[in-house]
Protein backbone atom coordinates (compact mmCIF):
# COMPACT_ATOMS: atom_id res chain seq x y z
CA UNK A 1 -43.71 99.52 57.70
CA UNK A 2 -40.25 97.14 56.83
CA UNK A 3 -42.40 95.75 53.90
CA UNK A 4 -43.96 99.21 52.96
CA UNK A 5 -40.12 100.44 52.95
CA UNK A 6 -39.26 97.50 51.03
CA UNK A 7 -41.79 97.70 48.26
CA UNK A 8 -41.29 101.62 47.93
CA UNK A 9 -37.78 101.34 47.39
CA UNK A 10 -38.39 98.06 44.76
CA UNK A 11 -40.52 100.39 42.90
CA UNK A 12 -38.30 103.43 43.04
CA UNK A 13 -35.89 101.52 41.70
CA UNK A 14 -37.54 99.28 39.38
CA UNK A 15 -39.73 102.75 38.05
CA UNK A 16 -37.49 105.72 38.31
CA UNK A 17 -40.00 108.18 36.52
CA UNK A 18 -41.64 110.62 38.57
CA UNK A 19 -45.38 110.39 37.46
CA UNK A 20 -45.70 106.29 37.49
CA UNK A 21 -44.35 106.87 41.18
CA UNK A 22 -46.95 109.18 41.95
CA UNK A 23 -49.66 107.32 40.42
CA UNK A 24 -48.39 104.01 42.33
CA UNK A 25 -48.34 105.85 45.41
CA UNK A 26 -51.36 107.13 45.07
CA UNK A 27 -53.32 103.86 44.68
CA UNK A 28 -51.40 102.18 47.23
CA UNK A 29 -52.36 105.40 49.56
CA UNK A 30 -56.07 104.10 49.34
CA UNK A 31 -55.08 101.16 52.31
CA UNK A 32 -54.40 104.28 54.51
CA UNK A 33 -57.19 106.26 53.39
CA UNK A 34 -59.70 103.24 53.95
CA UNK A 35 -58.15 103.04 57.52
CA UNK A 36 -58.58 106.94 58.33
CA UNK A 37 -61.81 107.25 57.26
CA UNK A 38 -62.74 103.93 60.19
CA UNK A 39 -60.66 106.24 62.70
CA UNK A 40 -62.83 109.07 61.73
CA UNK A 41 -65.58 107.12 62.13
CA UNK A 42 -65.23 106.34 65.76
CA UNK A 43 -64.46 110.10 66.59
CA UNK A 44 -68.33 111.42 67.28
CA UNK A 45 -69.35 108.85 69.25
CA UNK A 46 -66.28 107.77 71.20
CA UNK A 47 -65.90 111.11 72.36
CA UNK A 48 -69.59 111.68 73.34
CA UNK A 49 -70.18 108.42 75.11
CA UNK A 50 -66.89 108.89 77.26
CA UNK A 51 -66.44 112.37 77.75
CA UNK A 52 -70.26 111.85 78.99
CA UNK A 53 -69.81 108.89 81.27
CA UNK A 54 -66.31 110.61 82.38
CA UNK A 55 -67.96 113.92 83.45
CA UNK A 56 -70.53 111.73 84.98
CA UNK A 57 -67.92 109.70 87.45
CA UNK A 58 -66.25 113.36 88.20
CA UNK A 59 -69.69 114.23 89.91
CA UNK A 60 -69.27 111.32 92.48
CA UNK A 61 -65.95 113.81 93.81
CA UNK A 62 -69.03 115.33 95.86
CA UNK A 63 -69.08 112.23 98.02
CA UNK A 64 -65.28 112.28 98.37
CA UNK A 65 -65.10 115.86 99.05
CA UNK A 66 -61.53 116.94 100.10
CA UNK A 67 -59.61 114.23 98.49
CA UNK A 68 -61.59 114.63 95.38
CA UNK A 69 -60.87 118.45 94.80
CA UNK A 70 -57.29 117.96 95.79
CA UNK A 71 -56.94 114.77 93.14
CA UNK A 72 -58.79 116.74 90.61
CA UNK A 73 -56.51 119.94 91.15
CA UNK A 74 -53.40 117.99 90.75
CA UNK A 75 -54.79 116.39 87.57
CA UNK A 76 -55.55 119.35 85.58
CA UNK A 77 -52.39 121.00 86.86
CA UNK A 78 -50.12 117.83 85.71
CA UNK A 79 -51.93 118.02 82.45
CA UNK A 80 -51.45 121.63 81.55
CA UNK A 81 -47.35 120.76 82.33
CA UNK A 82 -47.30 117.90 79.85
CA UNK A 83 -49.14 119.86 77.50
CA UNK A 84 -46.91 122.69 77.92
CA UNK A 85 -43.43 120.27 77.39
CA UNK A 86 -45.01 118.53 74.11
CA UNK A 87 -45.51 122.16 72.77
CA UNK A 88 -42.14 123.63 73.57
CA UNK A 89 -40.14 120.29 72.67
CA UNK A 90 -42.27 120.49 69.07
CA UNK A 91 -41.80 124.06 68.70
CA UNK A 92 -38.52 124.03 69.49
CA UNK A 93 -36.77 120.99 67.52
CA UNK A 94 -39.88 120.74 64.59
CA UNK A 95 -39.19 117.48 64.00
CA UNK A 96 -42.51 117.06 61.66
CA UNK A 97 -40.45 119.69 59.03
CA UNK A 98 -38.04 116.43 58.23
CA UNK A 99 -40.92 114.79 56.70
CA UNK A 100 -41.46 117.65 54.40
CA UNK A 101 -44.53 116.09 52.98
CA UNK A 102 -46.59 117.64 49.97
CA UNK A 103 -48.13 121.28 50.87
CA UNK A 104 -51.55 121.66 51.74
CA UNK A 105 -54.08 123.51 48.88
CA UNK A 106 -54.39 126.91 49.47
CA UNK A 107 -58.01 127.13 50.98
CA UNK A 108 -56.58 124.96 53.86
CA UNK A 109 -53.83 126.93 54.20
CA UNK A 110 -55.89 130.19 54.75
CA UNK A 111 -58.19 128.14 57.05
CA UNK A 112 -55.44 127.36 59.43
CA UNK A 113 -53.75 130.80 59.28
CA UNK A 114 -56.78 132.83 59.95
CA UNK A 115 -58.12 133.30 63.43
CA UNK A 116 -61.00 135.45 63.97
CA UNK A 117 -62.28 135.30 68.08
CA UNK A 118 -66.07 136.23 67.03
CA UNK A 119 -65.97 133.65 64.50
CA UNK A 120 -64.22 131.00 66.54
CA UNK A 121 -66.73 131.68 69.98
CA UNK A 122 -69.88 131.60 68.13
CA UNK A 123 -68.41 128.03 66.29
CA UNK A 124 -67.89 126.23 69.94
CA UNK A 125 -71.64 126.47 70.28
CA UNK A 126 -73.39 124.16 67.59
CA UNK A 127 -76.51 125.12 66.34
CA UNK A 128 -76.87 121.27 65.33
CA UNK A 129 -75.37 118.31 67.17
CA UNK A 130 -75.87 116.10 64.55
CA UNK A 131 -74.06 118.59 62.12
CA UNK A 132 -71.22 118.92 64.70
CA UNK A 133 -70.90 115.07 65.06
CA UNK A 134 -71.39 114.19 61.58
CA UNK A 135 -68.22 116.73 60.82
CA UNK A 136 -66.40 115.56 63.76
CA UNK A 137 -66.37 119.22 65.28
CA UNK A 138 -64.79 118.35 69.00
CA UNK A 139 -65.47 121.51 70.28
CA UNK A 140 -69.10 121.77 69.98
CA UNK A 141 -69.74 118.16 70.62
CA UNK A 142 -68.07 119.05 74.46
CA UNK A 143 -69.82 121.92 74.69
CA UNK A 144 -73.56 119.88 74.07
CA UNK A 145 -72.16 116.83 76.51
CA UNK A 146 -71.58 119.60 79.24
CA UNK A 147 -75.21 120.56 79.08
CA UNK A 148 -76.65 116.90 78.19
CA UNK A 149 -74.14 115.53 81.54
CA UNK A 150 -75.44 118.50 83.88
CA UNK A 151 -79.15 117.76 82.72
CA UNK A 152 -78.84 114.15 83.10
CA UNK A 153 -77.25 114.48 86.56
CA UNK A 154 -80.27 117.28 87.53
CA UNK A 155 -82.70 114.41 86.89
CA UNK A 156 -81.06 112.02 89.20
CA UNK A 157 -82.65 108.87 89.47
CA UNK A 158 -84.12 109.10 86.10
CA UNK A 159 -81.00 110.07 84.48
CA UNK A 160 -79.50 106.91 85.64
CA UNK A 161 -80.59 104.80 82.57
CA UNK A 162 -79.23 107.45 80.33
CA UNK A 163 -75.91 107.06 82.00
CA UNK A 164 -76.14 103.25 81.98
CA UNK A 165 -76.93 103.56 78.26
CA UNK A 166 -74.09 105.62 77.38
CA UNK A 167 -71.93 103.82 79.38
CA UNK A 168 -72.53 100.27 77.06
CA UNK A 169 -72.28 102.91 74.03
CA UNK A 170 -68.82 103.94 75.37
CA UNK A 171 -67.88 100.17 76.26
CA UNK A 172 -69.25 99.44 72.37
CA UNK A 173 -67.35 102.13 70.94
CA UNK A 174 -64.01 100.87 72.51
CA UNK A 175 -64.66 97.15 71.02
CA UNK A 176 -65.05 99.20 67.58
CA UNK A 177 -62.12 100.84 68.26
CA UNK A 178 -60.11 97.77 68.92
CA UNK A 179 -61.47 96.24 65.96
CA UNK A 180 -60.63 99.50 63.51
CA UNK A 181 -57.17 99.30 65.19
CA UNK A 182 -56.42 95.69 64.11
CA UNK A 183 -56.51 97.33 60.65
CA UNK A 184 -53.33 99.79 61.49
CA UNK A 185 -50.72 97.65 60.16
CA UNK A 186 -52.36 97.65 56.61
CA UNK A 187 -52.77 101.54 56.83
CA UNK A 188 -49.24 101.68 58.07
CA UNK A 189 -48.15 99.80 55.09
CA UNK A 190 -50.07 101.65 52.43
CA UNK A 191 -48.77 105.04 53.96
CA UNK A 192 -45.13 103.92 54.40
CA UNK A 193 -44.87 102.55 50.73
CA UNK A 194 -46.50 105.60 49.20
CA UNK A 195 -44.02 107.99 50.81
CA UNK A 196 -41.20 106.04 50.47
CA UNK A 197 -42.06 105.67 46.52
CA UNK A 198 -42.30 109.17 46.35
CA UNK A 199 -39.48 110.20 48.62
CA UNK A 200 -37.04 107.66 49.08
CA UNK A 201 -35.39 106.23 52.20
CA UNK A 202 -34.25 109.82 53.03
CA UNK A 203 -37.56 110.30 54.93
CA UNK A 204 -36.39 107.62 57.83
CA UNK A 205 -34.22 110.16 59.21
CA UNK A 206 -37.06 112.59 59.77
CA UNK A 207 -38.74 109.50 61.60
CA UNK A 208 -35.46 109.19 63.93
CA UNK A 209 -36.18 112.89 64.51
CA UNK A 210 -39.61 112.48 65.57
CA UNK A 211 -38.75 109.55 67.92
CA UNK A 212 -35.27 111.22 69.63
CA UNK A 213 -37.37 114.82 70.43
CA UNK A 214 -40.30 112.75 71.58
CA UNK A 215 -38.42 110.84 74.27
CA UNK A 216 -36.02 113.72 75.01
CA UNK A 217 -39.42 115.47 75.83
CA UNK A 218 -40.46 112.54 77.85
CA UNK A 219 -37.48 112.62 79.84
CA UNK A 220 -37.07 116.44 80.64
CA UNK A 221 -41.12 115.95 81.98
CA UNK A 222 -39.82 112.86 84.24
CA UNK A 223 -36.64 114.20 85.30
CA UNK A 224 -37.38 118.21 85.53
CA UNK A 225 -41.27 118.40 85.83
CA UNK A 226 -41.97 115.13 88.36
CA UNK A 227 -38.50 115.65 89.77
CA UNK A 228 -39.45 119.36 90.51
CA UNK A 229 -42.94 118.41 92.21
CA UNK A 230 -41.66 116.12 94.56
CA UNK A 231 -38.83 118.24 95.80
CA UNK A 232 -41.35 121.09 96.62
CA UNK A 233 -43.87 118.32 97.91
CA UNK A 234 -40.55 116.71 99.60
CA UNK A 235 -41.25 113.46 98.53
CA UNK A 236 -38.29 111.06 98.06
CA UNK A 237 -38.34 110.99 94.11
CA UNK A 238 -35.40 108.85 93.22
CA UNK A 239 -36.59 106.06 95.90
CA UNK A 240 -40.06 106.17 94.53
CA UNK A 241 -38.63 105.60 91.32
CA UNK A 242 -37.23 102.53 92.80
CA UNK A 243 -40.66 101.38 94.06
CA UNK A 244 -42.06 101.60 90.71
CA UNK A 245 -39.42 100.46 88.41
CA UNK A 246 -41.11 97.08 87.58
CA UNK A 247 -44.10 98.22 86.67
CA UNK A 248 -42.63 101.26 84.70
CA UNK A 249 -40.40 98.44 82.86
CA UNK A 250 -43.30 96.35 82.37
CA UNK A 251 -45.52 99.39 81.09
CA UNK A 252 -42.77 100.13 78.52
CA UNK A 253 -42.12 96.51 77.13
CA UNK A 254 -45.76 96.10 76.71
CA UNK A 255 -46.52 99.74 75.83
CA UNK A 256 -49.60 99.38 78.23
CA UNK A 257 -49.94 101.69 81.72
CA UNK A 258 -53.18 99.69 82.39
CA UNK A 259 -51.25 96.44 82.63
CA UNK A 260 -48.84 97.61 85.14
CA UNK A 261 -51.34 98.86 87.69
CA UNK A 262 -51.54 96.03 89.78
CA UNK A 263 -47.52 96.12 90.47
CA UNK A 264 -48.09 100.28 90.95
CA UNK A 265 -50.81 99.75 93.94
CA UNK A 266 -48.01 97.22 95.57
CA UNK A 267 -44.95 99.85 94.69
CA UNK A 268 -47.00 102.56 96.19
CA UNK A 269 -47.89 100.97 99.26
CA UNK A 270 -44.74 99.73 100.10
CA UNK A 271 -43.38 103.01 99.76
CA UNK A 272 -45.80 104.25 102.69
CA UNK A 273 -49.01 105.29 100.87
CA UNK A 274 -52.22 104.41 102.60
CA UNK A 275 -54.55 102.03 100.68
CA UNK A 276 -57.54 104.54 101.09
CA UNK A 277 -55.49 107.06 98.77
CA UNK A 278 -54.12 104.62 96.37
CA UNK A 279 -57.39 102.85 96.15
CA UNK A 280 -59.05 106.27 95.23
CA UNK A 281 -56.35 108.26 93.45
CA UNK A 282 -54.73 105.91 91.00
CA UNK A 283 -57.81 104.34 88.92
CA UNK A 284 -58.89 108.16 88.41
CA UNK A 285 -55.52 108.72 87.12
CA UNK A 286 -55.81 106.01 84.63
CA UNK A 287 -58.83 107.86 82.76
CA UNK A 288 -57.82 111.21 83.92
CA UNK A 289 -53.94 112.01 84.23
CA UNK A 290 -52.31 110.05 81.75
CA UNK A 291 -49.21 113.02 81.26
CA UNK A 292 -47.45 110.91 78.54
CA UNK A 293 -50.51 110.47 76.36
CA UNK A 294 -51.44 114.27 76.42
CA UNK A 295 -48.14 115.70 75.68
CA UNK A 296 -48.23 112.89 72.61
CA UNK A 297 -51.39 114.26 71.61
CA UNK A 298 -50.15 117.84 71.15
CA UNK A 299 -46.83 116.80 70.36
CA UNK A 300 -48.10 114.66 67.34
CA UNK A 301 -50.88 117.44 66.04
CA UNK A 302 -48.38 119.88 65.52
CA UNK A 303 -45.74 117.54 63.90
CA UNK A 304 -47.91 116.88 61.40
CA UNK A 305 -48.78 120.12 60.59
CA UNK A 306 -45.21 120.95 60.49
CA UNK A 307 -44.68 117.79 57.78
CA UNK A 308 -47.42 119.85 55.55
CA UNK A 309 -45.41 123.37 55.93
CA UNK A 310 -48.23 124.82 57.87
CA UNK A 311 -47.88 127.70 60.54
CA UNK A 312 -49.99 127.42 63.47
CA UNK A 313 -50.18 130.41 65.40
CA UNK A 314 -49.89 130.87 68.80
CA UNK A 315 -53.22 131.97 69.42
CA UNK A 316 -54.55 128.47 67.71
CA UNK A 317 -51.70 126.31 69.84
CA UNK A 318 -53.40 127.57 73.05
CA UNK A 319 -56.70 126.61 72.07
CA UNK A 320 -55.28 122.94 71.53
CA UNK A 321 -54.10 123.07 74.81
CA UNK A 322 -57.47 124.04 76.01
CA UNK A 323 -59.49 121.47 73.92
CA UNK A 324 -56.84 118.69 74.76
CA UNK A 325 -57.29 119.54 78.19
CA UNK A 326 -60.68 118.44 78.15
CA UNK A 327 -60.81 116.10 75.55
CA UNK A 328 -58.26 113.90 76.92
CA UNK A 329 -59.75 113.44 80.42
CA UNK A 330 -62.51 111.41 78.61
CA UNK A 331 -60.55 109.05 76.50
CA UNK A 332 -57.00 109.25 78.40
CA UNK A 333 -57.55 105.67 79.56
CA UNK A 334 -58.48 104.25 75.84
CA UNK A 335 -56.13 102.02 74.20
CA UNK A 336 -54.95 104.12 70.94
CA UNK A 337 -57.38 107.02 72.04
CA UNK A 338 -55.15 109.37 71.44
CA UNK A 339 -55.04 108.65 67.74
CA UNK A 340 -58.86 109.02 67.45
CA UNK A 341 -58.27 112.75 69.39
CA UNK A 342 -55.19 113.71 67.24
CA UNK A 343 -57.90 112.91 63.93
CA UNK A 344 -60.25 114.81 65.77
CA UNK A 345 -57.55 117.58 66.44
CA UNK A 346 -56.51 117.66 62.27
CA UNK A 347 -60.49 117.90 61.24
CA UNK A 348 -60.34 120.81 63.96
CA UNK A 349 -57.49 122.74 62.15
CA UNK A 350 -58.16 121.50 58.91
CA UNK A 351 -54.75 119.57 58.62
CA UNK A 352 -54.62 116.98 56.37
CA UNK A 353 -55.31 113.59 58.21
CA UNK A 354 -53.19 111.29 55.99
CA UNK A 355 -50.13 112.49 58.01
CA UNK A 356 -51.37 110.43 60.84
CA UNK A 357 -50.86 107.06 58.92
CA UNK A 358 -47.21 107.80 58.91
CA UNK A 359 -47.09 108.86 62.49
CA UNK A 360 -48.71 105.71 63.53
CA UNK A 361 -45.83 103.73 61.52
CA UNK A 362 -43.89 104.79 64.79
CA UNK A 363 -46.38 104.67 66.83
CA UNK A 364 -45.77 101.49 68.52
CA UNK A 365 -42.56 102.80 69.83
CA UNK A 366 -43.80 106.05 70.57
CA UNK A 367 -46.45 104.22 72.59
CA UNK A 368 -43.79 102.33 74.62
CA UNK A 369 -42.47 105.69 75.96
CA UNK A 370 -46.22 107.62 76.65
CA UNK A 371 -47.17 104.02 79.04
CA UNK A 372 -43.92 104.13 81.07
CA UNK A 373 -44.26 107.96 81.49
CA UNK A 374 -48.16 107.48 82.64
CA UNK A 375 -47.12 104.98 85.22
CA UNK A 376 -44.58 107.36 87.06
CA UNK A 377 -46.82 110.22 86.38
CA UNK A 378 -49.79 108.44 88.03
CA UNK A 379 -47.20 107.31 91.01
CA UNK A 380 -46.34 111.18 91.88
CA UNK A 381 -49.83 111.79 91.65
CA UNK A 382 -50.83 109.35 94.60
CA UNK A 383 -47.82 110.54 96.42
CA UNK A 384 -48.49 114.48 96.16
CA UNK A 385 -52.42 113.96 97.14
CA UNK A 386 -51.18 111.44 100.08
CA UNK A 387 -48.77 114.16 101.31
CA UNK A 388 -51.49 116.57 100.63
CA UNK A 389 -53.61 114.66 103.25
CA UNK A 390 -50.78 114.94 105.86
CA UNK A 391 -50.06 111.61 105.54
CA UNK A 392 -45.91 110.37 106.13
CA UNK A 393 -44.10 109.16 103.14
CA UNK A 394 -41.24 107.58 104.57
CA UNK A 395 -39.88 104.27 103.00
CA UNK A 396 -37.55 104.06 105.96
CA UNK A 397 -39.69 104.24 108.45
CA UNK A 398 -41.87 101.87 106.16
CA UNK A 399 -39.64 99.18 106.37
């Protein structure tokens, strides 16, 4: 990012002619275009395989009955609250508008503004899964996966082979994702150089606006929403915070909520949650309840639309929320998978995907906040389920 800023500004200073700047920006942009094409390449197989195995794991809830149902109910509620928080923040502050990127073509604008319920509903159900996957259409893929997962479960033992296959495909796609993400710095370099060349250093102020509004959203989610949940459930929030402070710091510095998981387990058990609840709820939370990541997905998608001067209608924002509630469940625990989901959302709503590479430049910093929020979100989820199970969470008594 720093290299891109320097090169862009140097070129801008040496060649003040706008036409030359535009041509250079267009040529260097090819680096981020390649990276974006590789991200799009991942979307369909990653969503398909992970969502299928995710639904299959959810099927195991029958065996654990009561606790599983309570856990799922909380996860859905928390996901909805995280999405609403992200939606409110991005509409309130409109951080993407400050980027002021090149306007989209009129055809794209019409595609985004027009909303037809009949067309939308009929589009959800794919006439060809191959076509839906080729065009990275997330909703039709989800519908097919739901049918496929139920049918696979219905044939019982014979379906296990299919699930094992797609579980392996999922792991392969995760490895492919990790390879593609290694090229992220090159994509960032190309995108940053291009935008600085054309728009100058003033755009960096827009980055600060995005960072501040997103972190403010995370703080509101932690200290208003999660605190409110703990208040209702009669969980001593700040005592819980003290117990998971160390793993939260670890998640923030490493930008990985998974790295903090062993310490979260220890912290929750010291807090007074039984091992049977922790060992069941927490691992599921790392796949189904990453509040910070889910909040970021809707925040980033609408911010990119704002950057291109596109108006996403209220109906479309609601659809985004519903789609993200489902897709985030399959890929929430995958490193950088939020970028893949956002790329899918951009395709679905005809928002220029190029905006993703610009956000990628500050993604590492936003990721630190997301990871930290994921840790406290899952800690609260575990405590709430523990309370619903009638366990006494009392820090002093536990001592």
